[in-house]
Every structure is written in C-alpha cells, then in structure tokens.
C-alpha cells in the first residue's frame, strides 16, 4: 500500500469539518478506486478506519460494511477492466466477508438480548 497516498487521502478527508456517512462512503470509494488494496479484511478495516475525517470517532463494523457495499455498488458502474477485476477478485469477496460478520454479530447479539442461548452461534474455539 502506498503510505503517502493514504496520508494524502486522510488529510483531504480530515479537512472537511463534519462528515456524514455519505461523505465517508465516498471517501472510502475514492480511496479504494485509486489504491485498490489487496489485503485481508482485518487489514482493510484498519485502513478504512484511518480514513474517517474525525479521528476521535469510533468507526463501527456497520459503517465499514456500509462503506464497502457503497463502494462495490458504485465501482460496479465503472467501465475500467482494472476496476472490474479488482471488484471480482478482491473487493466483492471482502465485502461479503464484512457483511457476513455483521449478520453474525447481529444474530449473536439478538440471541443474547432475548436470552435464547440455543440460537447463539457456537464459539469458534
């Protein structure tokens, strides 16, 4: 990953005084389009969190998933073969993983709130 390009994107993003989820989604989309990082979901989440204009804001899994879904839908309209290959090979699988993680977390929390341990997912260990 190009550190100077990421720093420039962060500086540009932080120059706006307030950020909305739409702004953040567009910042992430622009960054993904330009940088096309190839990494794990965990690494991508850390990089995306660094893009949020307000450094004191805690970026949630929901915001990351929303930004990835927005980026996938927006970049799908691109006619660039390079972008289409990036979507197919990297971004779409990572977006699916993020969405699955969000659903699993939501289902787990719902089961815990309702006190229904039978519906809670089995631990991974």
C-alpha atoms as a PDB file:
ATOM      1  CA  UNK A   1       0.000   0.000   0.000  1.00  0.00           C
ATOM      2  CA  UNK A   2       1.222   3.479  -0.814  1.00  0.00           C
ATOM      3  CA  UNK A   3       1.568   5.255   2.534  1.00  0.00           C
ATOM      4  CA  UNK A   4       1.910   8.745   1.056  1.00  0.00           C
ATOM      5  CA  UNK A   5      -1.301   8.313  -0.944  1.00  0.00           C
ATOM      6  CA  UNK A   6      -3.146   7.115   2.151  1.00  0.00           C
ATOM      7  CA  UNK A   7      -1.810  10.064   4.155  1.00  0.00           C
ATOM      8  CA  UNK A   8      -2.986  12.450   1.448  1.00  0.00           C
ATOM      9  CA  UNK A   9      -6.440  10.844   1.456  1.00  0.00           C
ATOM     10  CA  UNK A  10      -6.653  11.110   5.234  1.00  0.00           C
ATOM     11  CA  UNK A  11      -5.544  14.753   5.175  1.00  0.00           C
ATOM     12  CA  UNK A  12      -8.062  15.541   2.481  1.00  0.00           C
ATOM     13  CA  UNK A  13     -10.816  13.743   4.374  1.00  0.00           C
ATOM     14  CA  UNK A  14      -9.994  15.478   7.644  1.00  0.00           C
ATOM     15  CA  UNK A  15     -10.060  18.891   6.027  1.00  0.00           C
ATOM     16  CA  UNK A  16     -13.853  18.785   5.991  1.00  0.00           C
ATOM     17  CA  UNK A  17     -15.217  19.923   9.340  1.00  0.00           C
ATOM     18  CA  UNK A  18     -18.065  17.437   9.596  1.00  0.00           C
ATOM     19  CA  UNK A  19     -18.535  14.087   7.968  1.00  0.00           C
ATOM     20  CA  UNK A  20     -21.736  12.281   7.180  1.00  0.00           C
ATOM     21  CA  UNK A  21     -21.987   8.597   6.395  1.00  0.00           C
ATOM     22  CA  UNK A  22     -22.395   9.548   2.730  1.00  0.00           C
ATOM     23  CA  UNK A  23     -19.180  11.560   2.842  1.00  0.00           C
ATOM     24  CA  UNK A  24     -17.362   8.668   4.497  1.00  0.00           C
ATOM     25  CA  UNK A  25     -18.736   6.197   1.951  1.00  0.00           C
ATOM     26  CA  UNK A  26     -17.499   8.409  -0.884  1.00  0.00           C
ATOM     27  CA  UNK A  27     -14.085   8.883   0.759  1.00  0.00           C
ATOM     28  CA  UNK A  28     -13.718   5.100   1.063  1.00  0.00           C
ATOM     29  CA  UNK A  29     -14.915   4.561  -2.516  1.00  0.00           C
ATOM     30  CA  UNK A  30     -12.462   7.101  -3.917  1.00  0.00           C
ATOM     31  CA  UNK A  31      -9.614   5.600  -1.905  1.00  0.00           C
ATOM     32  CA  UNK A  32     -10.457   2.016  -2.949  1.00  0.00           C
ATOM     33  CA  UNK A  33     -10.736   3.064  -6.586  1.00  0.00           C
ATOM     34  CA  UNK A  34      -7.345   4.739  -6.505  1.00  0.00           C
ATOM     35  CA  UNK A  35      -5.344   2.424  -4.235  1.00  0.00           C
ATOM     36  CA  UNK A  36      -7.031  -0.946  -4.865  1.00  0.00           C
ATOM     37  CA  UNK A  37      -5.509  -2.529  -1.744  1.00  0.00           C
ATOM     38  CA  UNK A  38      -5.117  -6.289  -1.741  1.00  0.00           C
ATOM     39  CA  UNK A  39      -5.170  -7.418   1.870  1.00  0.00           C
ATOM     40  CA  UNK A  40      -7.190  -9.286   4.457  1.00  0.00           C
ATOM     41  CA  UNK A  41     -10.479  -7.945   5.781  1.00  0.00           C
ATOM     42  CA  UNK A  42      -8.844  -7.113   9.119  1.00  0.00           C
ATOM     43  CA  UNK A  43      -6.118  -5.070   7.407  1.00  0.00           C
ATOM     44  CA  UNK A  44      -8.647  -3.355   5.157  1.00  0.00           C
ATOM     45  CA  UNK A  45     -10.819  -2.432   8.144  1.00  0.00           C
ATOM     46  CA  UNK A  46      -7.842  -0.781   9.857  1.00  0.00           C
ATOM     47  CA  UNK A  47      -7.022   1.196   6.710  1.00  0.00           C
ATOM     48  CA  UNK A  48     -10.644   2.278   6.285  1.00  0.00           C
ATOM     49  CA  UNK A  49     -10.873   3.374   9.927  1.00  0.00           C
ATOM     50  CA  UNK A  50      -7.873   5.655   9.334  1.00  0.00           C
ATOM     51  CA  UNK A  51      -9.786   7.430   6.553  1.00  0.00           C
ATOM     52  CA  UNK A  52     -12.562   8.714   8.818  1.00  0.00           C
ATOM     53  CA  UNK A  53     -12.377  12.525   8.941  1.00  0.00           C
ATOM     54  CA  UNK A  54     -12.930  12.759  12.697  1.00  0.00           C
ATOM     55  CA  UNK A  55     -10.094  10.812  14.303  1.00  0.00           C
ATOM     56  CA  UNK A  56     -11.920  10.643  17.655  1.00  0.00           C
ATOM     57  CA  UNK A  57     -14.918   8.860  16.075  1.00  0.00           C
ATOM     58  CA  UNK A  58     -15.036   5.095  16.621  1.00  0.00           C
ATOM     59  CA  UNK A  59     -15.790   3.569  13.220  1.00  0.00           C
ATOM     60  CA  UNK A  60     -18.184   0.646  13.645  1.00  0.00           C
ATOM     61  CA  UNK A  61     -18.448  -2.626  11.753  1.00  0.00           C
ATOM     62  CA  UNK A  62     -21.771  -1.357  10.391  1.00  0.00           C
ATOM     63  CA  UNK A  63     -20.109   1.786   8.964  1.00  0.00           C
ATOM     64  CA  UNK A  64     -17.335  -0.273   7.375  1.00  0.00           C
ATOM     65  CA  UNK A  65     -19.813  -2.695   5.829  1.00  0.00           C
ATOM     66  CA  UNK A  66     -21.934   0.202   4.578  1.00  0.00           C
ATOM     67  CA  UNK A  67     -18.891   1.869   3.019  1.00  0.00           C
ATOM     68  CA  UNK A  68     -17.807  -1.381   1.346  1.00  0.00           C
ATOM     69  CA  UNK A  69     -21.304  -2.043  -0.026  1.00  0.00           C
ATOM     70  CA  UNK A  70     -21.487   1.533  -1.329  1.00  0.00           C
ATOM     71  CA  UNK A  71     -18.040   1.233  -2.914  1.00  0.00           C
ATOM     72  CA  UNK A  72     -18.887  -2.093  -4.558  1.00  0.00           C
ATOM     73  CA  UNK A  73     -22.133  -0.742  -6.000  1.00  0.00           C
ATOM     74  CA  UNK A  74     -20.521   2.500  -7.166  1.00  0.00           C
ATOM     75  CA  UNK A  75     -17.412   0.913  -8.676  1.00  0.00           C
ATOM     76  CA  UNK A  76     -19.532  -1.691 -10.467  1.00  0.00           C
ATOM     77  CA  UNK A  77     -20.621   1.110 -12.803  1.00  0.00           C
ATOM     78  CA  UNK A  78     -17.028   1.691 -13.904  1.00  0.00           C
ATOM     79  CA  UNK A  79     -16.107   0.643 -17.421  1.00  0.00           C
ATOM     80  CA  UNK A  80     -12.474   0.109 -16.426  1.00  0.00           C
ATOM     81  CA  UNK A  81     -11.374  -3.507 -16.779  1.00  0.00           C
ATOM     82  CA  UNK A  82      -8.867  -2.948 -13.974  1.00  0.00           C
ATOM     83  CA  UNK A  83     -11.645  -1.820 -11.602  1.00  0.00           C
ATOM     84  CA  UNK A  84     -13.914  -4.700 -12.649  1.00  0.00           C
ATOM     85  CA  UNK A  85     -11.122  -7.224 -11.993  1.00  0.00           C
ATOM     86  CA  UNK A  86     -10.410  -5.615  -8.613  1.00  0.00           C
ATOM     87  CA  UNK A  87     -14.093  -5.899  -7.717  1.00  0.00           C
ATOM     88  CA  UNK A  88     -14.319  -9.533  -8.772  1.00  0.00           C
ATOM     89  CA  UNK A  89     -11.023 -10.710  -7.304  1.00  0.00           C
ATOM     90  CA  UNK A  90     -10.708  -8.623  -4.138  1.00  0.00           C
ATOM     91  CA  UNK A  91     -13.374  -6.130  -3.112  1.00  0.00           C
ATOM     92  CA  UNK A  92     -16.521  -8.223  -3.567  1.00  0.00           C
ATOM     93  CA  UNK A  93     -15.162 -11.165  -1.509  1.00  0.00           C
ATOM     94  CA  UNK A  94     -14.040  -8.778   1.257  1.00  0.00           C
ATOM     95  CA  UNK A  95     -17.429  -7.041   1.192  1.00  0.00           C
ATOM     96  CA  UNK A  96     -19.177 -10.414   1.510  1.00  0.00           C
ATOM     97  CA  UNK A  97     -16.973 -11.306   4.480  1.00  0.00           C
ATOM     98  CA  UNK A  98     -17.741  -7.981   6.145  1.00  0.00           C
ATOM     99  CA  UNK A  99     -21.468  -8.417   5.551  1.00  0.00           C
ATOM    100  CA  UNK A 100     -21.358 -11.955   6.946  1.00  0.00           C
ATOM    101  CA  UNK A 101     -19.507 -10.710  10.008  1.00  0.00           C
ATOM    102  CA  UNK A 102     -22.146  -8.025  10.543  1.00  0.00           C
ATOM    103  CA  UNK A 103     -25.002 -10.537  10.251  1.00  0.00           C
ATOM    104  CA  UNK A 104     -23.294 -12.983  12.609  1.00  0.00           C
ATOM    105  CA  UNK A 105     -22.718 -10.263  15.179  1.00  0.00           C
ATOM    106  CA  UNK A 106     -26.316  -9.028  14.896  1.00  0.00           C
ATOM    107  CA  UNK A 107     -27.695 -12.565  15.263  1.00  0.00           C
ATOM    108  CA  UNK A 108     -25.460 -13.249  18.245  1.00  0.00           C
ATOM    109  CA  UNK A 109     -26.460 -10.020  19.977  1.00  0.00           C
ATOM    110  CA  UNK A 110     -30.146 -10.659  19.288  1.00  0.00           C
ATOM    111  CA  UNK A 111     -29.882 -14.140  20.800  1.00  0.00           C
ATOM    112  CA  UNK A 112     -28.069 -12.775  23.844  1.00  0.00           C
ATOM    113  CA  UNK A 113     -30.612  -9.982  24.343  1.00  0.00           C
ATOM    114  CA  UNK A 114     -33.509 -12.387  24.068  1.00  0.00           C
ATOM    115  CA  UNK A 115     -31.776 -14.825  26.422  1.00  0.00           C
ATOM    116  CA  UNK A 116     -32.067 -17.625  23.898  1.00  0.00           C
ATOM    117  CA  UNK A 117     -28.762 -19.460  24.147  1.00  0.00           C
ATOM    118  CA  UNK A 118     -29.986 -22.100  21.685  1.00  0.00           C
ATOM    119  CA  UNK A 119     -29.873 -19.543  18.864  1.00  0.00           C
ATOM    120  CA  UNK A 120     -26.472 -18.159  19.832  1.00  0.00           C
ATOM    121  CA  UNK A 121     -23.733 -19.258  17.438  1.00  0.00           C
ATOM    122  CA  UNK A 122     -21.247 -21.851  18.635  1.00  0.00           C
ATOM    123  CA  UNK A 123     -17.883 -20.460  19.727  1.00  0.00           C
ATOM    124  CA  UNK A 124     -15.049 -20.846  17.229  1.00  0.00           C
ATOM    125  CA  UNK A 125     -12.717 -22.388  19.809  1.00  0.00           C
END
